Amino acid sequence: MVKPGTKMEREIRERMRGGAGSVEILHVFRQEELGGAARLFARMRLPPGSSIGHHVHDAEEEVFYILSGRGVVTEDGVATGVGPGDAVLTGGGAGHALENRGGEPLEFMAVILRR
């Protein structure tokens, strides 16, 4: 299946998971299109100063793959800087948050897989 970029749905979420600012989500494929264990496959964009608040992943895993920009991921109280080419894996009851503290948008791919 080929899905042109013009057919992908864009969504803006304000204060996602209790975070700051807005998050732009480009739904590359919706859950109903994937037909497997994935419930999210999206390209996400955090403008400077925006964040996704702390949330937990029970019975699932979330992967972030950073495309551009710089951010800070906080997992279990530990803050780690991330940039292009870095990947983050959170699951099994662990939680995380992501913040763009830089001056340019933070763009990343996000995949959520059910266990």
PDB file of N, CA and C in Angstrom:
ATOM      1  N   MET A   1       0.851  -1.180   0.000  1.00  0.00           N
ATOM      2  CA  MET A   1       0.000   0.000   0.000  1.00  0.00           C
ATOM      3  C   MET A   1       0.894   1.240   0.000  1.00  0.00           C
ATOM      4  N   VAL A   2       0.633   2.132  -0.901  1.00  0.00           N
ATOM      5  CA  VAL A   2       1.320   3.414  -0.944  1.00  0.00           C
ATOM      6  C   VAL A   2       0.317   4.474  -0.502  1.00  0.00           C
ATOM      7  N   LYS A   3       0.729   5.295   0.431  1.00  0.00           N
ATOM      8  CA  LYS A   3      -0.142   6.360   0.928  1.00  0.00           C
ATOM      9  C   LYS A   3       0.555   7.693   0.667  1.00  0.00           C
ATOM     10  N   PRO A   4       0.027   8.494  -0.247  1.00  0.00           N
ATOM     11  CA  PRO A   4       0.643   9.797  -0.518  1.00  0.00           C
ATOM     12  C   PRO A   4       0.589  10.694   0.719  1.00  0.00           C
ATOM     13  N   GLY A   5       1.599  11.543   0.863  1.00  0.00           N
ATOM     14  CA  GLY A   5       1.638  12.468   1.983  1.00  0.00           C
ATOM     15  C   GLY A   5       0.409  13.347   2.069  1.00  0.00           C
ATOM     16  N   THR A   6      -0.202  13.642   0.920  1.00  0.00           N
ATOM     17  CA  THR A   6      -1.403  14.488   0.905  1.00  0.00           C
ATOM     18  C   THR A   6      -2.607  13.804   1.539  1.00  0.00           C
ATOM     19  N   LYS A   7      -2.537  12.484   1.718  1.00  0.00           N
ATOM     20  CA  LYS A   7      -3.649  11.725   2.309  1.00  0.00           C
ATOM     21  C   LYS A   7      -3.465  11.491   3.816  1.00  0.00           C
ATOM     22  N   MET A   8      -2.317  11.893   4.357  1.00  0.00           N
ATOM     23  CA  MET A   8      -2.046  11.699   5.783  1.00  0.00           C
ATOM     24  C   MET A   8      -2.727  12.803   6.583  1.00  0.00           C
ATOM     25  N   GLU A   9      -3.335  12.419   7.698  1.00  0.00           N
ATOM     26  CA  GLU A   9      -4.072  13.374   8.522  1.00  0.00           C
ATOM     27  C   GLU A   9      -3.147  14.101   9.493  1.00  0.00           C
ATOM     28  N   ARG A  10      -3.334  15.427   9.572  1.00  0.00           N
ATOM     29  CA  ARG A  10      -2.602  16.256  10.533  1.00  0.00           C
ATOM     30  C   ARG A  10      -3.517  16.565  11.710  1.00  0.00           C
ATOM     31  N   GLU A  11      -2.918  16.566  12.892  1.00  0.00           N
ATOM     32  CA  GLU A  11      -3.658  16.871  14.114  1.00  0.00           C
ATOM     33  C   GLU A  11      -2.770  17.756  14.983  1.00  0.00           C
ATOM     34  N   ILE A  12      -3.373  18.738  15.617  1.00  0.00           N
ATOM     35  CA  ILE A  12      -2.668  19.581  16.585  1.00  0.00           C
ATOM     36  C   ILE A  12      -3.276  19.286  17.957  1.00  0.00           C
ATOM     37  N   ARG A  13      -2.407  18.934  18.910  1.00  0.00           N
ATOM     38  CA  ARG A  13      -2.863  18.710  20.286  1.00  0.00           C
ATOM     39  C   ARG A  13      -2.213  19.744  21.184  1.00  0.00           C
ATOM     40  N   GLU A  14      -3.049  20.415  21.948  1.00  0.00           N
ATOM     41  CA  GLU A  14      -2.568  21.392  22.922  1.00  0.00           C
ATOM     42  C   GLU A  14      -2.314  20.682  24.252  1.00  0.00           C
ATOM     43  N   ARG A  15      -1.200  21.049  24.903  1.00  0.00           N
ATOM     44  CA  ARG A  15      -0.863  20.535  26.232  1.00  0.00           C
ATOM     45  C   ARG A  15      -0.961  18.996  26.294  1.00  0.00           C
ATOM     46  N   MET A  16      -0.358  18.331  25.324  1.00  0.00           N
ATOM     47  CA  MET A  16      -0.430  16.868  25.225  1.00  0.00           C
ATOM     48  C   MET A  16       0.110  16.198  26.487  1.00  0.00           C
ATOM     49  N   ARG A  17      -0.691  15.354  27.067  1.00  0.00           N
ATOM     50  CA  ARG A  17      -0.331  14.618  28.292  1.00  0.00           C
ATOM     51  C   ARG A  17       0.079  15.569  29.416  1.00  0.00           C
ATOM     52  N   GLY A  18      -0.501  16.764  29.434  1.00  0.00           N
ATOM     53  CA  GLY A  18      -0.183  17.742  30.466  1.00  0.00           C
ATOM     54  C   GLY A  18       1.059  18.562  30.182  1.00  0.00           C
ATOM     55  N   GLY A  19       1.599  18.444  28.977  1.00  0.00           N
ATOM     56  CA  GLY A  19       2.790  19.201  28.602  1.00  0.00           C
ATOM     57  C   GLY A  19       2.462  20.642  28.260  1.00  0.00           C
ATOM     58  N   ALA A  20       3.451  21.348  27.732  1.00  0.00           N
ATOM     59  CA  ALA A  20       3.308  22.764  27.385  1.00  0.00           C
ATOM     60  C   ALA A  20       3.160  22.927  25.873  1.00  0.00           C
ATOM     61  N   GLY A  21       2.463  23.973  25.475  1.00  0.00           N
ATOM     62  CA  GLY A  21       2.376  24.314  24.055  1.00  0.00           C
ATOM     63  C   GLY A  21       1.587  23.302  23.246  1.00  0.00           C
ATOM     64  N   SER A  22       1.978  23.192  21.983  1.00  0.00           N
ATOM     65  CA  SER A  22       1.250  22.325  21.057  1.00  0.00           C
ATOM     66  C   SER A  22       2.184  21.277  20.456  1.00  0.00           C
ATOM     67  N   VAL A  23       1.557  20.198  19.998  1.00  0.00           N
ATOM     68  CA  VAL A  23       2.265  19.124  19.306  1.00  0.00           C
ATOM     69  C   VAL A  23       1.545  18.887  17.984  1.00  0.00           C
ATOM     70  N   GLU A  24       2.293  18.878  16.892  1.00  0.00           N
ATOM     71  CA  GLU A  24       1.712  18.561  15.595  1.00  0.00           C
ATOM     72  C   GLU A  24       1.971  17.094  15.313  1.00  0.00           C
ATOM     73  N   ILE A  25       0.896  16.369  14.986  1.00  0.00           N
ATOM     74  CA  ILE A  25       0.993  14.938  14.704  1.00  0.00           C
ATOM     75  C   ILE A  25       0.577  14.713  13.251  1.00  0.00           C
ATOM     76  N   LEU A  26       1.461  14.097  12.482  1.00  0.00           N
ATOM     77  CA  LEU A  26       1.127  13.678  11.126  1.00  0.00           C
ATOM     78  C   LEU A  26       0.935  12.163  11.197  1.00  0.00           C
ATOM     79  N   HIS A  27      -0.316  11.727  11.116  1.00  0.00           N
ATOM     80  CA  HIS A  27      -0.631  10.299  11.204  1.00  0.00           C
ATOM     81  C   HIS A  27      -0.259   9.637   9.875  1.00  0.00           C
ATOM     82  N   VAL A  28       0.917   9.028   9.831  1.00  0.00           N
ATOM     83  CA  VAL A  28       1.378   8.360   8.618  1.00  0.00           C
ATOM     84  C   VAL A  28       0.416   7.221   8.299  1.00  0.00           C
ATOM     85  N   PHE A  29       0.170   6.372   9.274  1.00  0.00           N
ATOM     86  CA  PHE A  29      -0.859   5.335   9.179  1.00  0.00           C
ATOM     87  C   PHE A  29      -1.660   5.340  10.469  1.00  0.00           C
ATOM     88  N   ARG A  30      -2.961   5.226  10.369  1.00  0.00           N
ATOM     89  CA  ARG A  30      -3.850   5.105  11.522  1.00  0.00           C
ATOM     90  C   ARG A  30      -3.868   3.646  11.983  1.00  0.00           C
ATOM     91  N   GLN A  31      -4.244   3.442  13.224  1.00  0.00           N
ATOM     92  CA  GLN A  31      -4.276   2.099  13.806  1.00  0.00           C
ATOM     93  C   GLN A  31      -5.076   1.123  12.942  1.00  0.00           C
ATOM     94  N   GLU A  32      -6.212   1.558  12.443  1.00  0.00           N
ATOM     95  CA  GLU A  32      -7.064   0.671  11.640  1.00  0.00           C
ATOM     96  C   GLU A  32      -6.431   0.316  10.293  1.00  0.00           C
ATOM     97  N   GLU A  33      -5.474   1.092   9.834  1.00  0.00           N
ATOM     98  CA  GLU A  33      -4.774   0.786   8.588  1.00  0.00           C
ATOM     99  C   GLU A  33      -3.639  -0.208   8.799  1.00  0.00           C
ATOM    100  N   LEU A  34      -3.124  -0.283  10.022  1.00  0.00           N
ATOM    101  CA  LEU A  34      -1.952  -1.112  10.296  1.00  0.00           C
ATOM    102  C   LEU A  34      -2.300  -2.584  10.481  1.00  0.00           C
ATOM    103  N   GLY A  35      -3.415  -2.879  11.113  1.00  0.00           N
ATOM    104  CA  GLY A  35      -3.868  -4.260  11.243  1.00  0.00           C
ATOM    105  C   GLY A  35      -2.965  -5.162  12.060  1.00  0.00           C
ATOM    106  N   GLY A  36      -2.097  -4.617  12.881  1.00  0.00           N
ATOM    107  CA  GLY A  36      -1.192  -5.433  13.694  1.00  0.00           C
ATOM    108  C   GLY A  36      -1.156  -4.930  15.120  1.00  0.00           C
ATOM    109  N   ALA A  37      -0.017  -5.062  15.739  1.00  0.00           N
ATOM    110  CA  ALA A  37       0.138  -4.685  17.138  1.00  0.00           C
ATOM    111  C   ALA A  37       0.362  -3.182  17.318  1.00  0.00           C
ATOM    112  N   ALA A  38       0.591  -2.444  16.248  1.00  0.00           N
ATOM    113  CA  ALA A  38       0.849  -1.010  16.369  1.00  0.00           C
ATOM    114  C   ALA A  38      -0.445  -0.237  16.539  1.00  0.00           C
ATOM    115  N   ARG A  39      -0.415   0.766  17.426  1.00  0.00           N
ATOM    116  CA  ARG A  39      -1.578   1.644  17.571  1.00  0.00           C
ATOM    117  C   ARG A  39      -1.263   3.078  17.156  1.00  0.00           C
ATOM    118  N   LEU A  40       0.032   3.370  16.882  1.00  0.00           N
ATOM    119  CA  LEU A  40       0.409   4.690  16.403  1.00  0.00           C
ATOM    120  C   LEU A  40       1.657   4.578  15.542  1.00  0.00           C
ATOM    121  N   PHE A  41       1.623   5.239  14.391  1.00  0.00           N
ATOM    122  CA  PHE A  41       2.812   5.412  13.560  1.00  0.00           C
ATOM    123  C   PHE A  41       2.691   6.820  13.002  1.00  0.00           C
ATOM    124  N   ALA A  42       3.498   7.747  13.548  1.00  0.00           N
ATOM    125  CA  ALA A  42       3.318   9.152  13.210  1.00  0.00           C
ATOM    126  C   ALA A  42       4.638   9.905  13.203  1.00  0.00           C
ATOM    127  N   ARG A  43       4.643  10.986  12.428  1.00  0.00           N
ATOM    128  CA  ARG A  43       5.741  11.957  12.487  1.00  0.00           C
ATOM    129  C   ARG A  43       5.231  13.091  13.365  1.00  0.00           C
ATOM    130  N   MET A  44       6.018  13.439  14.367  1.00  0.00           N
ATOM    131  CA  MET A  44       5.565  14.435  15.332  1.00  0.00           C
ATOM    132  C   MET A  44       6.515  15.624  15.338  1.00  0.00           C
ATOM    133  N   ARG A  45       5.957  16.781  15.660  1.00  0.00           N
ATOM    134  CA  ARG A  45       6.732  18.021  15.649  1.00  0.00           C
ATOM    135  C   ARG A  45       6.392  18.823  16.894  1.00  0.00           C
ATOM    136  N   LEU A  46       7.433  19.117  17.679  1.00  0.00           N
ATOM    137  CA  LEU A  46       7.293  19.955  18.866  1.00  0.00           C
ATOM    138  C   LEU A  46       7.956  21.306  18.585  1.00  0.00           C
ATOM    139  N   PRO A  47       7.201  22.390  18.545  1.00  0.00           N
ATOM    140  CA  PRO A  47       7.827  23.704  18.391  1.00  0.00           C
ATOM    141  C   PRO A  47       8.686  24.030  19.624  1.00  0.00           C
ATOM    142  N   PRO A  48       9.600  24.992  19.509  1.00  0.00           N
ATOM    143  CA  PRO A  48      10.392  25.387  20.675  1.00  0.00           C
ATOM    144  C   PRO A  48       9.500  25.717  21.875  1.00  0.00           C
ATOM    145  N   GLY A  49       9.896  25.224  23.043  1.00  0.00           N
ATOM    146  CA  GLY A  49       9.142  25.472  24.268  1.00  0.00           C
ATOM    147  C   GLY A  49       7.993  24.520  24.513  1.00  0.00           C
ATOM    148  N   SER A  50       7.689  23.642  23.564  1.00  0.00           N
ATOM    149  CA  SER A  50       6.586  22.688  23.719  1.00  0.00           C
ATOM    150  C   SER A  50       7.091  21.373  24.307  1.00  0.00           C
ATOM    151  N   SER A  51       6.171  20.620  24.889  1.00  0.00           N
ATOM    152  CA  SER A  51       6.544  19.336  25.488  1.00  0.00           C
ATOM    153  C   SER A  51       5.368  18.376  25.481  1.00  0.00           C
ATOM    154  N   ILE A  52       5.703  17.100  25.649  1.00  0.00           N
ATOM    155  CA  ILE A  52       4.724  16.042  25.912  1.00  0.00           C
ATOM    156  C   ILE A  52       4.951  15.672  27.367  1.00  0.00           C
ATOM    157  N   GLY A  53       3.910  15.797  28.183  1.00  0.00           N
ATOM    158  CA  GLY A  53       4.047  15.552  29.607  1.00  0.00           C
ATOM    159  C   GLY A  53       4.307  14.093  29.940  1.00  0.00           C
ATOM    160  N   HIS A  54       4.717  13.875  31.176  1.00  0.00           N
ATOM    161  CA  HIS A  54       5.044  12.525  31.648  1.00  0.00           C
ATOM    162  C   HIS A  54       3.823  11.615  31.534  1.00  0.00           C
ATOM    163  N   HIS A  55       4.042  10.424  30.985  1.00  0.00           N
ATOM    164  CA  HIS A  55       2.994   9.415  30.876  1.00  0.00           C
ATOM    165  C   HIS A  55       3.644   8.036  30.896  1.00  0.00           C
ATOM    166  N   VAL A  56       2.863   7.038  31.264  1.00  0.00           N
ATOM    167  CA  VAL A  56       3.345   5.669  31.458  1.00  0.00           C
ATOM    168  C   VAL A  56       2.844   4.783  30.333  1.00  0.00           C
ATOM    169  N   HIS A  57       3.670   3.801  29.951  1.00  0.00           N
ATOM    170  CA  HIS A  57       3.287   2.834  28.923  1.00  0.00           C
ATOM    171  C   HIS A  57       3.182   1.443  29.545  1.00  0.00           C
ATOM    172  N   ASP A  58       1.962   1.076  29.930  1.00  0.00           N
ATOM    173  CA  ASP A  58       1.668  -0.273  30.422  1.00  0.00           C
ATOM    174  C   ASP A  58       1.215  -1.119  29.243  1.00  0.00           C
ATOM    175  N   ALA A  59       1.661  -2.341  29.175  1.00  0.00           N
ATOM    176  CA  ALA A  59       1.251  -3.297  28.141  1.00  0.00           C
ATOM    177  C   ALA A  59       1.518  -2.792  26.722  1.00  0.00           C
ATOM    178  N   GLU A  60       2.483  -1.893  26.581  1.00  0.00           N
ATOM    179  CA  GLU A  60       2.870  -1.402  25.269  1.00  0.00           C
ATOM    180  C   GLU A  60       4.264  -0.775  25.369  1.00  0.00           C
ATOM    181  N   GLU A  61       4.842  -0.511  24.195  1.00  0.00           N
ATOM    182  CA  GLU A  61       6.143   0.153  24.108  1.00  0.00           C
ATOM    183  C   GLU A  61       6.019   1.310  23.132  1.00  0.00           C
ATOM    184  N   GLU A  62       6.733   2.395  23.435  1.00  0.00           N
ATOM    185  CA  GLU A  62       6.770   3.522  22.508  1.00  0.00           C
ATOM    186  C   GLU A  62       8.210   3.764  22.091  1.00  0.00           C
ATOM    187  N   VAL A  63       8.393   3.973  20.791  1.00  0.00           N
ATOM    188  CA  VAL A  63       9.703   4.265  20.227  1.00  0.00           C
ATOM    189  C   VAL A  63       9.650   5.669  19.641  1.00  0.00           C
ATOM    190  N   PHE A  64      10.640   6.488  19.987  1.00  0.00           N
ATOM    191  CA  PHE A  64      10.856   7.781  19.335  1.00  0.00           C
ATOM    192  C   PHE A  64      12.152   7.663  18.548  1.00  0.00           C
ATOM    193  N   TYR A  65      12.155   8.130  17.302  1.00  0.00           N
ATOM    194  CA  TYR A  65      13.373   8.237  16.514  1.00  0.00           C
ATOM    195  C   TYR A  65      13.498   9.700  16.113  1.00  0.00           C
ATOM    196  N   ILE A  66      14.534  10.373  16.620  1.00  0.00           N
ATOM    197  CA  ILE A  66      14.686  11.806  16.426  1.00  0.00           C
ATOM    198  C   ILE A  66      15.219  12.094  15.021  1.00  0.00           C
ATOM    199  N   LEU A  67      14.490  12.940  14.283  1.00  0.00           N
ATOM    200  CA  LEU A  67      14.857  13.313  12.916  1.00  0.00           C
ATOM    201  C   LEU A  67      15.637  14.625  12.872  1.00  0.00           C
ATOM    202  N   SER A  68      15.166  15.617  13.614  1.00  0.00           N
ATOM    203  CA  SER A  68      15.846  16.916  13.623  1.00  0.00           C
ATOM    204  C   SER A  68      15.501  17.665  14.904  1.00  0.00           C
ATOM    205  N   GLY A  69      16.353  18.633  15.233  1.00  0.00           N
ATOM    206  CA  GLY A  69      16.160  19.405  16.452  1.00  0.00           C
ATOM    207  C   GLY A  69      16.803  18.719  17.650  1.00  0.00           C
ATOM    208  N   ARG A  70      16.627  19.333  18.796  1.00  0.00           N
ATOM    209  CA  ARG A  70      17.190  18.804  20.041  1.00  0.00           C
ATOM    210  C   ARG A  70      16.115  18.841  21.112  1.00  0.00           C
ATOM    211  N   GLY A  71      16.172  17.857  21.998  1.00  0.00           N
ATOM    212  CA  GLY A  71      15.194  17.793  23.075  1.00  0.00           C
ATOM    213  C   GLY A  71      15.772  17.129  24.301  1.00  0.00           C
ATOM    214  N   VAL A  72      14.929  17.022  25.320  1.00  0.00           N
ATOM    215  CA  VAL A  72      15.294  16.351  26.557  1.00  0.00           C
ATOM    216  C   VAL A  72      14.201  15.330  26.869  1.00  0.00           C
ATOM    217  N   VAL A  73      14.611  14.073  27.010  1.00  0.00           N
ATOM    218  CA  VAL A  73      13.706  12.999  27.424  1.00  0.00           C
ATOM    219  C   VAL A  73      13.945  12.759  28.911  1.00  0.00           C
ATOM    220  N   THR A  74      12.870  12.688  29.668  1.00  0.00           N
ATOM    221  CA  THR A  74      12.979  12.358  31.087  1.00  0.00           C
ATOM    222  C   THR A  74      12.316  11.007  31.300  1.00  0.00           C
ATOM    223  N   GLU A  75      13.109  10.053  31.788  1.00  0.00           N
ATOM    224  CA  GLU A  75      12.623   8.704  32.094  1.00  0.00           C
ATOM    225  C   GLU A  75      12.978   8.396  33.533  1.00  0.00           C
ATOM    226  N   ASP A  76      11.965   8.046  34.323  1.00  0.00           N
ATOM    227  CA  ASP A  76      12.195   7.700  35.730  1.00  0.00           C
ATOM    228  C   ASP A  76      13.041   8.752  36.438  1.00  0.00           C
ATOM    229  N   GLY A  77      12.770  10.028  36.169  1.00  0.00           N
ATOM    230  CA  GLY A  77      13.458  11.118  36.839  1.00  0.00           C
ATOM    231  C   GLY A  77      14.820  11.479  36.284  1.00  0.00           C
ATOM    232  N   VAL A  78      15.281  10.772  35.260  1.00  0.00           N
ATOM    233  CA  VAL A  78      16.593  11.040  34.671  1.00  0.00           C
ATOM    234  C   VAL A  78      16.396  11.752  33.328  1.00  0.00           C
ATOM    235  N   ALA A  79      16.974  12.960  33.204  1.00  0.00           N
ATOM    236  CA  ALA A  79      16.862  13.748  31.979  1.00  0.00           C
ATOM    237  C   ALA A  79      18.068  13.481  31.084  1.00  0.00           C
ATOM    238  N   THR A  80      17.790  13.206  29.799  1.00  0.00           N
ATOM    239  CA  THR A  80      18.843  12.910  28.827  1.00  0.00           C
ATOM    240  C   THR A  80      18.594  13.726  27.565  1.00  0.00           C
ATOM    241  N   GLY A  81      19.618  14.411  27.079  1.00  0.00           N
ATOM    242  CA  GLY A  81      19.502  15.149  25.823  1.00  0.00           C
ATOM    243  C   GLY A  81      19.443  14.200  24.644  1.00  0.00           C
ATOM    244  N   VAL A  82      18.618  14.555  23.653  1.00  0.00           N
ATOM    245  CA  VAL A  82      18.507  13.754  22.430  1.00  0.00           C
ATOM    246  C   VAL A  82      18.582  14.673  21.219  1.00  0.00           C
ATOM    247  N   GLY A  83      19.092  14.108  20.107  1.00  0.00           N
ATOM    248  CA  GLY A  83      19.198  14.850  18.859  1.00  0.00           C
ATOM    249  C   GLY A  83      19.077  13.911  17.683  1.00  0.00           C
ATOM    250  N   PRO A  84      19.287  14.415  16.477  1.00  0.00           N
ATOM    251  CA  PRO A  84      19.113  13.617  15.264  1.00  0.00           C
ATOM    252  C   PRO A  84      19.867  12.287  15.315  1.00  0.00           C
ATOM    253  N   GLY A  85      19.152  11.223  14.961  1.00  0.00           N
ATOM    254  CA  GLY A  85      19.731   9.882  14.948  1.00  0.00           C
ATOM    255  C   GLY A  85      19.576   9.130  16.254  1.00  0.00           C
ATOM    256  N   ASP A  86      19.164   9.807  17.331  1.00  0.00           N
ATOM    257  CA  ASP A  86      18.957   9.123  18.610  1.00  0.00           C
ATOM    258  C   ASP A  86      17.595   8.443  18.625  1.00  0.00           C
ATOM    259  N   ALA A  87      17.502   7.362  19.394  1.00  0.00           N
ATOM    260  CA  ALA A  87      16.253   6.627  19.541  1.00  0.00           C
ATOM    261  C   ALA A  87      15.961   6.417  21.019  1.00  0.00           C
ATOM    262  N   VAL A  88      14.677   6.390  21.346  1.00  0.00           N
ATOM    263  CA  VAL A  88      14.216   6.206  22.721  1.00  0.00           C
ATOM    264  C   VAL A  88      13.204   5.071  22.714  1.00  0.00           C
ATOM    265  N   LEU A  89      13.332   4.151  23.682  1.00  0.00           N
ATOM    266  CA  LEU A  89      12.381   3.050  23.837  1.00  0.00           C
ATOM    267  C   LEU A  89      11.880   3.069  25.268  1.00  0.00           C
ATOM    268  N   THR A  90      10.556   3.163  25.435  1.00  0.00           N
ATOM    269  CA  THR A  90       9.940   3.172  26.765  1.00  0.00           C
ATOM    270  C   THR A  90       8.779   2.193  26.765  1.00  0.00           C
ATOM    271  N   GLY A  91       8.702   1.344  27.797  1.00  0.00           N
ATOM    272  CA  GLY A  91       7.597   0.395  27.901  1.00  0.00           C
ATOM    273  C   GLY A  91       7.652  -0.381  29.191  1.00  0.00           C
ATOM    274  N   GLY A  92       6.781  -1.372  29.283  1.00  0.00           N
ATOM    275  CA  GLY A  92       6.773  -2.254  30.447  1.00  0.00           C
ATOM    276  C   GLY A  92       6.455  -1.549  31.749  1.00  0.00           C
ATOM    277  N   GLY A  93       5.590  -0.533  31.714  1.00  0.00           N
ATOM    278  CA  GLY A  93       5.216   0.188  32.918  1.00  0.00           C
ATOM    279  C   GLY A  93       6.075   1.403  33.217  1.00  0.00           C
ATOM    280  N   ALA A  94       7.118   1.636  32.423  1.00  0.00           N
ATOM    281  CA  ALA A  94       7.959   2.824  32.612  1.00  0.00           C
ATOM    282  C   ALA A  94       7.268   4.041  31.994  1.00  0.00           C
ATOM    283  N   GLY A  95       7.683   5.223  32.445  1.00  0.00           N
ATOM    284  CA  GLY A  95       7.109   6.453  31.926  1.00  0.00           C
ATOM    285  C   GLY A  95       8.178   7.361  31.358  1.00  0.00           C
ATOM    286  N   HIS A  96       7.734   8.326  30.565  1.00  0.00           N
ATOM    287  CA  HIS A  96       8.667   9.291  29.989  1.00  0.00           C
ATOM    288  C   HIS A  96       7.952  10.594  29.651  1.00  0.00           C
ATOM    289  N   ALA A  97       8.750  11.627  29.414  1.00  0.00           N
ATOM    290  CA  ALA A  97       8.283  12.920  28.942  1.00  0.00           C
ATOM    291  C   ALA A  97       9.316  13.416  27.925  1.00  0.00           C
ATOM    292  N   LEU A  98       8.905  14.336  27.050  1.00  0.00           N
ATOM    293  CA  LEU A  98       9.809  14.875  26.040  1.00  0.00           C
ATOM    294  C   LEU A  98       9.578  16.368  25.940  1.00  0.00           C
ATOM    295  N   GLU A  99      10.674  17.134  25.943  1.00  0.00           N
ATOM    296  CA  GLU A  99      10.583  18.594  25.897  1.00  0.00           C
ATOM    297  C   GLU A  99      11.544  19.148  24.854  1.00  0.00           C
ATOM    298  N   ASN A 100      11.067  20.139  24.114  1.00  0.00           N
ATOM    299  CA  ASN A 100      11.926  20.860  23.176  1.00  0.00           C
ATOM    300  C   ASN A 100      12.416  22.115  23.874  1.00  0.00           C
ATOM    301  N   ARG A 101      13.687  22.120  24.274  1.00  0.00           N
ATOM    302  CA  ARG A 101      14.289  23.281  24.923  1.00  0.00           C
ATOM    303  C   ARG A 101      15.128  24.095  23.943  1.00  0.00           C
ATOM    304  N   GLY A 102      15.162  23.674  22.693  1.00  0.00           N
ATOM    305  CA  GLY A 102      15.989  24.340  21.694  1.00  0.00           C
ATOM    306  C   GLY A 102      15.261  25.463  20.983  1.00  0.00           C
ATOM    307  N   GLY A 103      15.924  26.038  19.990  1.00  0.00           N
ATOM    308  CA  GLY A 103      15.384  27.153  19.238  1.00  0.00           C
ATOM    309  C   GLY A 103      14.754  26.773  17.914  1.00  0.00           C
ATOM    310  N   GLU A 104      14.761  25.485  17.578  1.00  0.00           N
ATOM    311  CA  GLU A 104      14.152  25.022  16.326  1.00  0.00           C
ATOM    312  C   GLU A 104      13.188  23.881  16.642  1.00  0.00           C
ATOM    313  N   PRO A 105      12.279  23.554  15.732  1.00  0.00           N
ATOM    314  CA  PRO A 105      11.349  22.460  15.991  1.00  0.00           C
ATOM    315  C   PRO A 105      12.087  21.133  16.230  1.00  0.00           C
ATOM    316  N   LEU A 106      11.526  20.317  17.086  1.00  0.00           N
ATOM    317  CA  LEU A 106      12.008  18.958  17.340  1.00  0.00           C
ATOM    318  C   LEU A 106      11.077  18.028  16.574  1.00  0.00           C
ATOM    319  N   GLU A 107      11.619  17.299  15.603  1.00  0.00           N
ATOM    320  CA  GLU A 107      10.804  16.391  14.794  1.00  0.00           C
ATOM    321  C   GLU A 107      11.270  14.964  15.005  1.00  0.00           C
ATOM    322  N   PHE A 108      10.302  14.053  15.125  1.00  0.00           N
ATOM    323  CA  PHE A 108      10.627  12.658  15.389  1.00  0.00           C
ATOM    324  C   PHE A 108       9.510  11.754  14.909  1.00  0.00           C
ATOM    325  N   MET A 109       9.878  10.509  14.662  1.00  0.00           N
ATOM    326  CA  MET A 109       8.894   9.474  14.349  1.00  0.00           C
ATOM    327  C   MET A 109       8.506   8.814  15.678  1.00  0.00           C
ATOM    328  N   ALA A 110       7.247   8.486  15.820  1.00  0.00           N
ATOM    329  CA  ALA A 110       6.769   7.813  17.022  1.00  0.00           C
ATOM    330  C   ALA A 110       5.962   6.575  16.617  1.00  0.00           C
ATOM    331  N   VAL A 111       6.274   5.471  17.279  1.00  0.00           N
ATOM    332  CA  VAL A 111       5.566   4.205  17.053  1.00  0.00           C
ATOM    333  C   VAL A 111       5.173   3.662  18.416  1.00  0.00           C
ATOM    334  N   ILE A 112       3.912   3.281  18.574  1.00  0.00           N
ATOM    335  CA  ILE A 112       3.464   2.622  19.801  1.00  0.00           C
ATOM    336  C   ILE A 112       3.021   1.215  19.425  1.00  0.00           C
ATOM    337  N   LEU A 113       3.647   0.234  20.090  1.00  0.00           N
ATOM    338  CA  LEU A 113       3.370  -1.194  19.857  1.00  0.00           C
ATOM    339  C   LEU A 113       2.747  -1.807  21.097  1.00  0.00           C
ATOM    340  N   ARG A 114       1.627  -2.475  20.910  1.00  0.00           N
ATOM    341  CA  ARG A 114       0.986  -3.200  22.021  1.00  0.00           C
ATOM    342  C   ARG A 114       1.734  -4.501  22.261  1.00  0.00           C
ATOM    343  N   ARG A 115       1.825  -4.880  23.508  1.00  0.00           N
ATOM    344  CA  ARG A 115       2.484  -6.150  23.845  1.00  0.00           C
ATOM    345  C   ARG A 115       1.490  -7.270  23.834  1.00  0.00           C
TER     346      ARG A 115
END
